[in-house]
Amino acid sequence: MTTLEPTLLVDCENQLGECVLWNTDNQRLYWTDIYGQKLYSCDEDGGDLEVRALPDKLGSFAFDPKGDLLAAFSKGLFRYQLATGRLERLTEFEPALERTRLNDGRCDRAGRFVVGGCHQEFYNPVSSVVSYSGGREARTLFGAVALTNGIAFSLDGRRMYFSDSETLVYHWFDYDPETGRLGERHHFARIPEGRGFVDGSAVDASDAVWNARYYGGIVQQYLPDGSEGMRVVMPTDCPSCVCFGGEHLDTLFITTARKDLKPAALAAQPGAGGLFKVRVGVRGVPESRFAQPLF
């Protein structure tokens, strides 16, 4: 197995860095610190850093055709105009469940936003995964979820990857890109006990999945048959999400977290909570955007 080591790009000390995305229009990287309630942005070299305070935990987001954000805050989807700061609610999420919030999400190849929830305390599979294509409501795809992660779509849009992280199993669903309907669920990979769990993912130009292994200290490339390809060995235990970016989409960017590390681990892991990058020898594809302008 080929192993690679990343370099620290931005020492931002995120509590829970997540949902890192590359905007091909302005050649900038964006990511969220969920527990810090901030939205970060920088160029591909880590320069021109911008930090925006947010009113709530932002679990994930997608760009629309104009570069504004479809934002998955704790209890609903919002539209967020970056130029003005205008923020407006679109949907509610599980209003009867006080301790759930929206977490990982990605757009499918047709521009629907698929996002799932998590329970914020002990393992409790009471949340759901929903699909949003516009209007005032999202459509529920399935329930009985404790911690949504790893959502990604194959290049042809006919696979949707998903993990309920604490089950230690990564699945994929048959997926109809024309209708957004789910089909049969398939086993993709199992995480060995004690090696962390599935967090955020991205698909490269060869249709392989790159997955951040939270608590496992690695980013693992999985080939379409579920076998392991290359591996990025992190200098910190909690990588949280990945994306391909840079001018040629040939750099893998990796967010990390520090909120779950004890003081001794934090002292031994400089850069925990930072943004990292590594050249992995393959290119990514532009991230799918929400299909319609939000404003």
C-alpha atoms as a PDB file:
ATOM      1  CA  MET A   1       0.000   0.000   0.000  1.00  0.00           C
ATOM      2  CA  THR A   2       1.305   3.451  -0.943  1.00  0.00           C
ATOM      3  CA  THR A   3       1.332   5.786   2.064  1.00  0.00           C
ATOM      4  CA  LEU A   4       1.598   9.560   1.918  1.00  0.00           C
ATOM      5  CA  GLU A   5       2.108  12.309   4.491  1.00  0.00           C
ATOM      6  CA  PRO A   6       0.352  15.699   4.349  1.00  0.00           C
ATOM      7  CA  THR A   7       1.615  19.138   5.258  1.00  0.00           C
ATOM      8  CA  LEU A   8      -0.158  21.629   7.511  1.00  0.00           C
ATOM      9  CA  LEU A   9      -1.647  24.417   5.384  1.00  0.00           C
ATOM     10  CA  VAL A  10      -3.628  26.499   7.908  1.00  0.00           C
ATOM     11  CA  ASP A  11      -3.102  26.098  11.667  1.00  0.00           C
ATOM     12  CA  CYS A  12      -6.668  27.176  12.446  1.00  0.00           C
ATOM     13  CA  GLU A  13      -7.278  25.033  15.559  1.00  0.00           C
ATOM     14  CA  ASN A  14     -10.819  24.086  14.548  1.00  0.00           C
ATOM     15  CA  GLN A  15     -12.912  22.359  17.174  1.00  0.00           C
ATOM     16  CA  LEU A  16     -14.499  20.281  14.401  1.00  0.00           C
ATOM     17  CA  GLY A  17     -13.366  21.234  10.911  1.00  0.00           C
ATOM     18  CA  GLU A  18     -15.701  19.752   8.298  1.00  0.00           C
ATOM     19  CA  CYS A  19     -17.243  19.920   4.803  1.00  0.00           C
ATOM     20  CA  VAL A  20     -14.229  21.249   2.935  1.00  0.00           C
ATOM     21  CA  LEU A  21     -15.117  22.281  -0.656  1.00  0.00           C
ATOM     22  CA  TRP A  22     -13.165  23.865  -3.520  1.00  0.00           C
ATOM     23  CA  ASN A  23     -14.896  26.637  -5.464  1.00  0.00           C
ATOM     24  CA  THR A  24     -13.665  26.450  -9.068  1.00  0.00           C
ATOM     25  CA  ASP A  25     -15.055  29.920  -9.878  1.00  0.00           C
ATOM     26  CA  ASN A  26     -12.941  31.962  -7.474  1.00  0.00           C
ATOM     27  CA  GLN A  27     -10.260  29.297  -6.858  1.00  0.00           C
ATOM     28  CA  ARG A  28     -10.841  29.294  -3.117  1.00  0.00           C
ATOM     29  CA  LEU A  29     -11.297  26.660  -0.474  1.00  0.00           C
ATOM     30  CA  TYR A  30     -14.191  26.792   2.024  1.00  0.00           C
ATOM     31  CA  TRP A  31     -14.806  24.766   5.181  1.00  0.00           C
ATOM     32  CA  THR A  32     -16.771  24.919   8.396  1.00  0.00           C
ATOM     33  CA  ASP A  33     -15.792  24.612  12.040  1.00  0.00           C
ATOM     34  CA  ILE A  34     -19.040  23.121  13.293  1.00  0.00           C
ATOM     35  CA  TYR A  35     -18.539  23.658  17.025  1.00  0.00           C
ATOM     36  CA  GLY A  36     -16.639  26.897  16.541  1.00  0.00           C
ATOM     37  CA  GLN A  37     -19.604  28.179  14.480  1.00  0.00           C
ATOM     38  CA  LYS A  38     -17.354  29.660  11.806  1.00  0.00           C
ATOM     39  CA  LEU A  39     -16.980  29.491   8.028  1.00  0.00           C
ATOM     40  CA  TYR A  40     -13.398  29.590   6.720  1.00  0.00           C
ATOM     41  CA  SER A  41     -12.011  30.403   3.296  1.00  0.00           C
ATOM     42  CA  CYS A  42      -8.509  30.645   1.802  1.00  0.00           C
ATOM     43  CA  ASP A  43      -6.620  30.275  -1.466  1.00  0.00           C
ATOM     44  CA  GLU A  44      -4.926  27.019  -2.425  1.00  0.00           C
ATOM     45  CA  ASP A  45      -1.711  28.031  -0.637  1.00  0.00           C
ATOM     46  CA  GLY A  46      -3.514  28.844   2.614  1.00  0.00           C
ATOM     47  CA  GLY A  47      -3.261  32.584   2.070  1.00  0.00           C
ATOM     48  CA  ASP A  48      -5.878  35.348   2.149  1.00  0.00           C
ATOM     49  CA  LEU A  49      -7.641  33.621   5.043  1.00  0.00           C
ATOM     50  CA  GLU A  50     -11.186  34.787   5.769  1.00  0.00           C
ATOM     51  CA  VAL A  51     -13.223  33.740   8.808  1.00  0.00           C
ATOM     52  CA  ARG A  52     -16.951  34.417   9.174  1.00  0.00           C
ATOM     53  CA  ALA A  53     -18.854  34.019  12.435  1.00  0.00           C
ATOM     54  CA  LEU A  54     -22.055  31.981  12.103  1.00  0.00           C
ATOM     55  CA  PRO A  55     -25.223  31.999  14.219  1.00  0.00           C
ATOM     56  CA  ASP A  56     -25.364  28.215  14.635  1.00  0.00           C
ATOM     57  CA  LYS A  57     -23.522  24.966  13.942  1.00  0.00           C
ATOM     58  CA  LEU A  58     -23.020  24.541  10.182  1.00  0.00           C
ATOM     59  CA  GLY A  59     -22.776  20.814   9.485  1.00  0.00           C
ATOM     60  CA  SER A  60     -22.300  20.948   5.711  1.00  0.00           C
ATOM     61  CA  PHE A  61     -23.090  23.064   2.673  1.00  0.00           C
ATOM     62  CA  ALA A  62     -23.116  23.158  -1.128  1.00  0.00           C
ATOM     63  CA  PHE A  63     -22.496  25.922  -3.640  1.00  0.00           C
ATOM     64  CA  ASP A  64     -25.267  26.999  -5.982  1.00  0.00           C
ATOM     65  CA  PRO A  65     -24.525  28.047  -9.619  1.00  0.00           C
ATOM     66  CA  LYS A  66     -23.670  31.594  -8.475  1.00  0.00           C
ATOM     67  CA  GLY A  67     -21.418  30.521  -5.587  1.00  0.00           C
ATOM     68  CA  ASP A  68     -23.863  31.143  -2.757  1.00  0.00           C
ATOM     69  CA  LEU A  69     -24.393  28.479  -0.115  1.00  0.00           C
ATOM     70  CA  LEU A  70     -27.133  25.985   0.583  1.00  0.00           C
ATOM     71  CA  ALA A  71     -26.291  25.667   4.266  1.00  0.00           C
ATOM     72  CA  ALA A  72     -27.213  22.771   6.565  1.00  0.00           C
ATOM     73  CA  PHE A  73     -27.429  24.391   9.980  1.00  0.00           C
ATOM     74  CA  SER A  74     -28.456  22.369  13.021  1.00  0.00           C
ATOM     75  CA  LYS A  75     -32.218  22.339  12.541  1.00  0.00           C
ATOM     76  CA  GLY A  76     -32.771  23.155   8.901  1.00  0.00           C
ATOM     77  CA  LEU A  77     -31.522  24.199   5.490  1.00  0.00           C
ATOM     78  CA  PHE A  78     -30.858  27.883   4.817  1.00  0.00           C
ATOM     79  CA  ARG A  79     -29.759  29.961   1.862  1.00  0.00           C
ATOM     80  CA  TYR A  80     -26.681  32.057   2.599  1.00  0.00           C
ATOM     81  CA  GLN A  81     -25.547  34.860   0.301  1.00  0.00           C
ATOM     82  CA  LEU A  82     -21.823  35.229   0.832  1.00  0.00           C
ATOM     83  CA  ALA A  83     -21.501  38.741  -0.587  1.00  0.00           C
ATOM     84  CA  THR A  84     -24.088  40.288   1.739  1.00  0.00           C
ATOM     85  CA  GLY A  85     -24.424  37.855   4.649  1.00  0.00           C
ATOM     86  CA  ARG A  86     -28.134  37.419   3.891  1.00  0.00           C
ATOM     87  CA  LEU A  87     -29.375  34.245   5.583  1.00  0.00           C
ATOM     88  CA  GLU A  88     -32.880  32.804   5.177  1.00  0.00           C
ATOM     89  CA  ARG A  89     -34.459  29.558   6.350  1.00  0.00           C
ATOM     90  CA  LEU A  90     -35.698  27.115   3.713  1.00  0.00           C
ATOM     91  CA  THR A  91     -36.664  23.994   5.702  1.00  0.00           C
ATOM     92  CA  GLU A  92     -36.901  22.611   9.212  1.00  0.00           C
ATOM     93  CA  PHE A  93     -35.157  19.431  10.339  1.00  0.00           C
ATOM     94  CA  GLU A  94     -36.654  17.104  12.936  1.00  0.00           C
ATOM     95  CA  PRO A  95     -38.210  19.837  15.110  1.00  0.00           C
ATOM     96  CA  ALA A  96     -39.623  17.213  17.492  1.00  0.00           C
ATOM     97  CA  LEU A  97     -36.141  15.788  18.212  1.00  0.00           C
ATOM     98  CA  GLU A  98     -34.284  18.314  20.359  1.00  0.00           C
ATOM     99  CA  ARG A  99     -30.883  16.571  20.318  1.00  0.00           C
ATOM    100  CA  THR A 100     -30.496  15.897  16.589  1.00  0.00           C
ATOM    101  CA  ARG A 101     -28.865  18.196  14.063  1.00  0.00           C
ATOM    102  CA  LEU A 102     -27.918  18.128  10.387  1.00  0.00           C
ATOM    103  CA  ASN A 103     -24.426  16.810   9.709  1.00  0.00           C
ATOM    104  CA  ASP A 104     -22.748  15.491   6.545  1.00  0.00           C
ATOM    105  CA  GLY A 105     -24.160  16.328   3.108  1.00  0.00           C
ATOM    106  CA  ARG A 106     -23.239  16.465  -0.595  1.00  0.00           C
ATOM    107  CA  CYS A 107     -24.996  17.237  -3.874  1.00  0.00           C
ATOM    108  CA  ASP A 108     -25.760  14.338  -6.182  1.00  0.00           C
ATOM    109  CA  ARG A 109     -24.698  14.529  -9.833  1.00  0.00           C
ATOM    110  CA  ALA A 110     -28.045  16.103 -10.774  1.00  0.00           C
ATOM    111  CA  GLY A 111     -27.742  18.869  -8.166  1.00  0.00           C
ATOM    112  CA  ARG A 112     -29.967  17.615  -5.340  1.00  0.00           C
ATOM    113  CA  PHE A 113     -28.559  18.135  -1.849  1.00  0.00           C
ATOM    114  CA  VAL A 114     -28.522  14.935   0.195  1.00  0.00           C
ATOM    115  CA  VAL A 115     -27.810  15.486   3.881  1.00  0.00           C
ATOM    116  CA  GLY A 116     -28.261  13.493   7.048  1.00  0.00           C
ATOM    117  CA  GLY A 117     -28.571  14.047  10.743  1.00  0.00           C
ATOM    118  CA  CYS A 118     -26.890  12.917  13.905  1.00  0.00           C
ATOM    119  CA  HIS A 119     -27.776  12.573  17.565  1.00  0.00           C
ATOM    120  CA  GLN A 120     -25.543  14.866  19.610  1.00  0.00           C
ATOM    121  CA  GLU A 121     -25.122  12.728  22.717  1.00  0.00           C
ATOM    122  CA  PHE A 122     -24.891   8.945  23.145  1.00  0.00           C
ATOM    123  CA  TYR A 123     -25.461   6.531  20.271  1.00  0.00           C
ATOM    124  CA  ASN A 124     -29.124   6.865  19.389  1.00  0.00           C
ATOM    125  CA  PRO A 125     -30.334   5.942  15.861  1.00  0.00           C
ATOM    126  CA  VAL A 126     -33.328   8.285  15.704  1.00  0.00           C
ATOM    127  CA  SER A 127     -32.286  10.701  12.958  1.00  0.00           C
ATOM    128  CA  SER A 128     -32.684  10.566   9.165  1.00  0.00           C
ATOM    129  CA  VAL A 129     -31.212  11.318   5.741  1.00  0.00           C
ATOM    130  CA  VAL A 130     -33.099  13.741   3.496  1.00  0.00           C
ATOM    131  CA  SER A 131     -32.934  15.003  -0.087  1.00  0.00           C
ATOM    132  CA  TYR A 132     -33.592  18.620  -1.053  1.00  0.00           C
ATOM    133  CA  SER A 133     -34.247  19.943  -4.561  1.00  0.00           C
ATOM    134  CA  GLY A 134     -36.004  23.229  -3.728  1.00  0.00           C
ATOM    135  CA  GLY A 135     -39.109  24.587  -2.041  1.00  0.00           C
ATOM    136  CA  ARG A 136     -39.999  24.523   1.642  1.00  0.00           C
ATOM    137  CA  GLU A 137     -39.586  20.817   2.373  1.00  0.00           C
ATOM    138  CA  ALA A 138     -36.959  18.108   2.051  1.00  0.00           C
ATOM    139  CA  ARG A 139     -37.874  14.522   1.193  1.00  0.00           C
ATOM    140  CA  THR A 140     -36.884  11.832   3.704  1.00  0.00           C
ATOM    141  CA  LEU A 141     -34.837   9.014   2.162  1.00  0.00           C
ATOM    142  CA  PHE A 142     -34.513   6.794   5.248  1.00  0.00           C
ATOM    143  CA  GLY A 143     -34.401   6.926   9.024  1.00  0.00           C
ATOM    144  CA  ALA A 144     -32.925   5.059  12.019  1.00  0.00           C
ATOM    145  CA  VAL A 145     -29.616   6.964  11.710  1.00  0.00           C
ATOM    146  CA  ALA A 146     -27.315   7.889  14.594  1.00  0.00           C
ATOM    147  CA  LEU A 147     -24.403   9.685  12.848  1.00  0.00           C
ATOM    148  CA  THR A 148     -24.528  10.456   9.122  1.00  0.00           C
ATOM    149  CA  ASN A 149     -21.165  10.542   7.366  1.00  0.00           C
ATOM    150  CA  GLY A 150     -19.334   9.592   4.192  1.00  0.00           C
ATOM    151  CA  ILE A 151     -21.987  10.797   1.723  1.00  0.00           C
ATOM    152  CA  ALA A 152     -20.542  10.869  -1.800  1.00  0.00           C
ATOM    153  CA  PHE A 153     -21.651   9.949  -5.311  1.00  0.00           C
ATOM    154  CA  SER A 154     -19.961   7.897  -8.009  1.00  0.00           C
ATOM    155  CA  LEU A 155     -19.025   9.657 -11.232  1.00  0.00           C
ATOM    156  CA  ASP A 156     -22.075   8.296 -13.086  1.00  0.00           C
ATOM    157  CA  GLY A 157     -24.306   9.219 -10.147  1.00  0.00           C
ATOM    158  CA  ARG A 158     -25.612   5.661  -9.732  1.00  0.00           C
ATOM    159  CA  ARG A 159     -23.990   4.978  -6.370  1.00  0.00           C
ATOM    160  CA  MET A 160     -24.598   6.904  -3.166  1.00  0.00           C
ATOM    161  CA  TYR A 161     -22.035   6.202  -0.460  1.00  0.00           C
ATOM    162  CA  PHE A 162     -23.170   6.468   3.165  1.00  0.00           C
ATOM    163  CA  SER A 163     -22.128   5.422   6.645  1.00  0.00           C
ATOM    164  CA  ASP A 164     -23.838   5.518   9.996  1.00  0.00           C
ATOM    165  CA  SER A 165     -20.401   6.031  11.487  1.00  0.00           C
ATOM    166  CA  GLU A 166     -20.762   4.273  14.798  1.00  0.00           C
ATOM    167  CA  THR A 167     -21.781   1.019  13.082  1.00  0.00           C
ATOM    168  CA  LEU A 168     -18.235   0.875  11.593  1.00  0.00           C
ATOM    169  CA  VAL A 169     -19.695  -0.091   8.196  1.00  0.00           C
ATOM    170  CA  TYR A 170     -19.482   1.896   4.962  1.00  0.00           C
ATOM    171  CA  HIS A 171     -22.320   1.198   2.508  1.00  0.00           C
ATOM    172  CA  TRP A 172     -23.389   2.235  -0.956  1.00  0.00           C
ATOM    173  CA  PHE A 173     -26.896   2.417  -2.342  1.00  0.00           C
ATOM    174  CA  ASP A 174     -28.128   1.945  -5.865  1.00  0.00           C
ATOM    175  CA  TYR A 175     -29.180   5.472  -6.797  1.00  0.00           C
ATOM    176  CA  ASP A 176     -31.233   6.834  -9.670  1.00  0.00           C
ATOM    177  CA  PRO A 177     -29.678  10.171 -10.693  1.00  0.00           C
ATOM    178  CA  GLU A 178     -32.773  11.129 -12.675  1.00  0.00           C
ATOM    179  CA  THR A 179     -35.250  10.753  -9.816  1.00  0.00           C
ATOM    180  CA  GLY A 180     -33.048  10.730  -6.699  1.00  0.00           C
ATOM    181  CA  ARG A 181     -34.619   7.445  -5.591  1.00  0.00           C
ATOM    182  CA  LEU A 182     -32.650   4.947  -3.533  1.00  0.00           C
ATOM    183  CA  GLY A 183     -32.399   1.289  -4.409  1.00  0.00           C
ATOM    184  CA  GLU A 184     -30.719  -1.627  -2.682  1.00  0.00           C
ATOM    185  CA  ARG A 185     -28.107  -1.063   0.036  1.00  0.00           C
ATOM    186  CA  HIS A 186     -24.720  -2.807  -0.421  1.00  0.00           C
ATOM    187  CA  HIS A 187     -21.763  -3.432   1.864  1.00  0.00           C
ATOM    188  CA  PHE A 188     -18.705  -1.401   0.814  1.00  0.00           C
ATOM    189  CA  ALA A 189     -16.119  -1.618   3.616  1.00  0.00           C
ATOM    190  CA  ARG A 190     -15.891  -2.452   7.308  1.00  0.00           C
ATOM    191  CA  ILE A 191     -13.710  -0.425   9.666  1.00  0.00           C
ATOM    192  CA  PRO A 192     -11.688  -2.625  12.058  1.00  0.00           C
ATOM    193  CA  GLU A 193     -12.572  -2.190  15.710  1.00  0.00           C
ATOM    194  CA  GLY A 194     -10.412   0.494  17.299  1.00  0.00           C
ATOM    195  CA  ARG A 195      -9.369   2.046  13.967  1.00  0.00           C
ATOM    196  CA  GLY A 196     -11.768   4.995  14.033  1.00  0.00           C
ATOM    197  CA  PHE A 197     -14.904   5.500  11.959  1.00  0.00           C
ATOM    198  CA  VAL A 198     -16.050   6.820   8.583  1.00  0.00           C
ATOM    199  CA  ASP A 199     -16.192  10.607   8.283  1.00  0.00           C
ATOM    200  CA  GLY A 200     -16.265  12.882   5.204  1.00  0.00           C
ATOM    201  CA  SER A 201     -15.514  11.603   1.692  1.00  0.00           C
ATOM    202  CA  ALA A 202     -14.751  12.702  -1.868  1.00  0.00           C
ATOM    203  CA  VAL A 203     -14.631  10.820  -5.178  1.00  0.00           C
ATOM    204  CA  ASP A 204     -11.636  11.174  -7.518  1.00  0.00           C
ATOM    205  CA  ALA A 205     -11.485  11.101 -11.314  1.00  0.00           C
ATOM    206  CA  SER A 206     -10.903   7.328 -11.304  1.00  0.00           C
ATOM    207  CA  ASP A 207     -14.147   6.815  -9.301  1.00  0.00           C
ATOM    208  CA  ALA A 208     -12.304   5.865  -6.117  1.00  0.00           C
ATOM    209  CA  VAL A 209     -13.532   7.160  -2.744  1.00  0.00           C
ATOM    210  CA  TRP A 210     -11.226   9.025  -0.360  1.00  0.00           C
ATOM    211  CA  ASN A 211     -12.487   8.831   3.213  1.00  0.00           C
ATOM    212  CA  ALA A 212     -11.341  10.615   6.376  1.00  0.00           C
ATOM    213  CA  ARG A 213     -11.090   8.114   9.235  1.00  0.00           C
ATOM    214  CA  TYR A 214     -12.009  10.025  12.393  1.00  0.00           C
ATOM    215  CA  TYR A 215     -10.092   8.734  15.453  1.00  0.00           C
ATOM    216  CA  GLY A 216      -8.118   6.552  13.017  1.00  0.00           C
ATOM    217  CA  GLY A 217      -5.548   9.153  11.969  1.00  0.00           C
ATOM    218  CA  ILE A 218      -5.698   8.319   8.249  1.00  0.00           C
ATOM    219  CA  VAL A 219      -7.407   9.168   4.979  1.00  0.00           C
ATOM    220  CA  GLN A 220      -8.104   5.961   3.074  1.00  0.00           C
ATOM    221  CA  GLN A 221      -8.649   5.594  -0.653  1.00  0.00           C
ATOM    222  CA  TYR A 222     -11.172   2.864  -1.500  1.00  0.00           C
ATOM    223  CA  LEU A 223     -11.426   1.463  -5.005  1.00  0.00           C
ATOM    224  CA  PRO A 224     -14.952   0.884  -6.391  1.00  0.00           C
ATOM    225  CA  ASP A 225     -14.836  -2.799  -5.312  1.00  0.00           C
ATOM    226  CA  GLY A 226     -14.183  -1.737  -1.703  1.00  0.00           C
ATOM    227  CA  SER A 227     -10.510  -2.712  -1.644  1.00  0.00           C
ATOM    228  CA  GLU A 228      -8.007  -0.303  -0.131  1.00  0.00           C
ATOM    229  CA  GLY A 229      -5.799   1.821  -2.363  1.00  0.00           C
ATOM    230  CA  MET A 230      -3.514   4.635  -1.225  1.00  0.00           C
ATOM    231  CA  ARG A 231      -3.445   5.954   2.324  1.00  0.00           C
ATOM    232  CA  VAL A 232      -2.610   9.355   3.809  1.00  0.00           C
ATOM    233  CA  VAL A 233      -1.121   9.009   7.295  1.00  0.00           C
ATOM    234  CA  MET A 234      -2.079  12.045   9.358  1.00  0.00           C
ATOM    235  CA  PRO A 235      -0.069  13.628  12.188  1.00  0.00           C
ATOM    236  CA  THR A 236      -3.268  13.934  14.225  1.00  0.00           C
ATOM    237  CA  ASP A 237      -5.956  11.430  15.200  1.00  0.00           C
ATOM    238  CA  CYS A 238      -9.094  13.118  13.899  1.00  0.00           C
ATOM    239  CA  PRO A 239      -9.203  13.870  10.166  1.00  0.00           C
ATOM    240  CA  SER A 240     -12.780  14.795   9.379  1.00  0.00           C
ATOM    241  CA  CYS A 241     -13.363  15.605   5.693  1.00  0.00           C
ATOM    242  CA  VAL A 242     -11.568  15.767   2.339  1.00  0.00           C
ATOM    243  CA  CYS A 243     -11.902  17.397  -1.063  1.00  0.00           C
ATOM    244  CA  PHE A 244      -9.870  17.801  -4.233  1.00  0.00           C
ATOM    245  CA  GLY A 245      -8.895  21.320  -5.190  1.00  0.00           C
ATOM    246  CA  GLY A 246      -6.252  23.601  -6.556  1.00  0.00           C
ATOM    247  CA  GLU A 247      -5.972  24.895 -10.110  1.00  0.00           C
ATOM    248  CA  HIS A 248      -5.670  21.370 -11.523  1.00  0.00           C
ATOM    249  CA  LEU A 249      -7.783  19.592  -8.885  1.00  0.00           C
ATOM    250  CA  ASP A 250      -4.707  17.557  -7.979  1.00  0.00           C
ATOM    251  CA  THR A 251      -4.408  18.472  -4.290  1.00  0.00           C
ATOM    252  CA  LEU A 252      -6.285  16.663  -1.527  1.00  0.00           C
ATOM    253  CA  PHE A 253      -7.305  19.042   1.258  1.00  0.00           C
ATOM    254  CA  ILE A 254      -8.105  17.584   4.685  1.00  0.00           C
ATOM    255  CA  THR A 255      -9.873  19.142   7.666  1.00  0.00           C
ATOM    256  CA  THR A 256      -9.252  17.888  11.196  1.00  0.00           C
ATOM    257  CA  ALA A 257     -10.715  18.265  14.686  1.00  0.00           C
ATOM    258  CA  ARG A 258      -9.443  18.791  18.210  1.00  0.00           C
ATOM    259  CA  LYS A 259     -12.593  18.731  20.346  1.00  0.00           C
ATOM    260  CA  ASP A 260     -12.314  15.004  21.135  1.00  0.00           C
ATOM    261  CA  LEU A 261      -8.610  14.982  21.995  1.00  0.00           C
ATOM    262  CA  LYS A 262      -7.464  14.985  25.615  1.00  0.00           C
ATOM    263  CA  PRO A 263      -4.799  17.516  26.704  1.00  0.00           C
ATOM    264  CA  ALA A 264      -1.943  15.019  26.392  1.00  0.00           C
ATOM    265  CA  ALA A 265      -2.983  14.108  22.851  1.00  0.00           C
ATOM    266  CA  LEU A 266      -3.307  17.772  21.897  1.00  0.00           C
ATOM    267  CA  ALA A 267       0.187  18.456  23.204  1.00  0.00           C
ATOM    268  CA  ALA A 268       1.568  15.549  21.162  1.00  0.00           C
ATOM    269  CA  GLN A 269      -0.305  16.466  17.971  1.00  0.00           C
ATOM    270  CA  PRO A 270       0.622  19.986  16.811  1.00  0.00           C
ATOM    271  CA  GLY A 271      -1.677  21.040  14.033  1.00  0.00           C
ATOM    272  CA  ALA A 272      -4.722  19.222  15.420  1.00  0.00           C
ATOM    273  CA  GLY A 273      -7.774  21.074  14.176  1.00  0.00           C
ATOM    274  CA  GLY A 274      -5.817  22.462  11.233  1.00  0.00           C
ATOM    275  CA  LEU A 275      -6.272  22.242   7.473  1.00  0.00           C
ATOM    276  CA  PHE A 276      -3.810  19.947   5.684  1.00  0.00           C
ATOM    277  CA  LYS A 277      -2.938  19.245   2.054  1.00  0.00           C
ATOM    278  CA  VAL A 278      -1.203  16.498   0.089  1.00  0.00           C
ATOM    279  CA  ARG A 279      -0.573  15.619  -3.541  1.00  0.00           C
ATOM    280  CA  VAL A 280      -1.842  12.077  -4.027  1.00  0.00           C
ATOM    281  CA  GLY A 281      -0.997  11.542  -7.705  1.00  0.00           C
ATOM    282  CA  VAL A 282      -4.601  11.490  -8.927  1.00  0.00           C
ATOM    283  CA  ARG A 283      -7.027  14.276  -9.749  1.00  0.00           C
ATOM    284  CA  GLY A 284     -10.459  14.975  -8.440  1.00  0.00           C
ATOM    285  CA  VAL A 285     -13.560  16.262 -10.198  1.00  0.00           C
ATOM    286  CA  PRO A 286     -15.393  19.548  -9.605  1.00  0.00           C
ATOM    287  CA  GLU A 287     -17.802  19.257  -6.691  1.00  0.00           C
ATOM    288  CA  SER A 288     -21.429  19.019  -7.805  1.00  0.00           C
ATOM    289  CA  ARG A 289     -23.438  22.166  -7.107  1.00  0.00           C
ATOM    290  CA  PHE A 290     -27.032  22.681  -6.087  1.00  0.00           C
ATOM    291  CA  ALA A 291     -28.950  22.764  -9.354  1.00  0.00           C
ATOM    292  CA  GLN A 292     -30.766  26.089  -9.055  1.00  0.00           C
ATOM    293  CA  PRO A 293     -29.747  29.580  -7.907  1.00  0.00           C
ATOM    294  CA  LEU A 294     -30.771  30.237  -4.314  1.00  0.00           C
ATOM    295  CA  PHE A 295     -31.181  34.014  -4.793  1.00  0.00           C
END
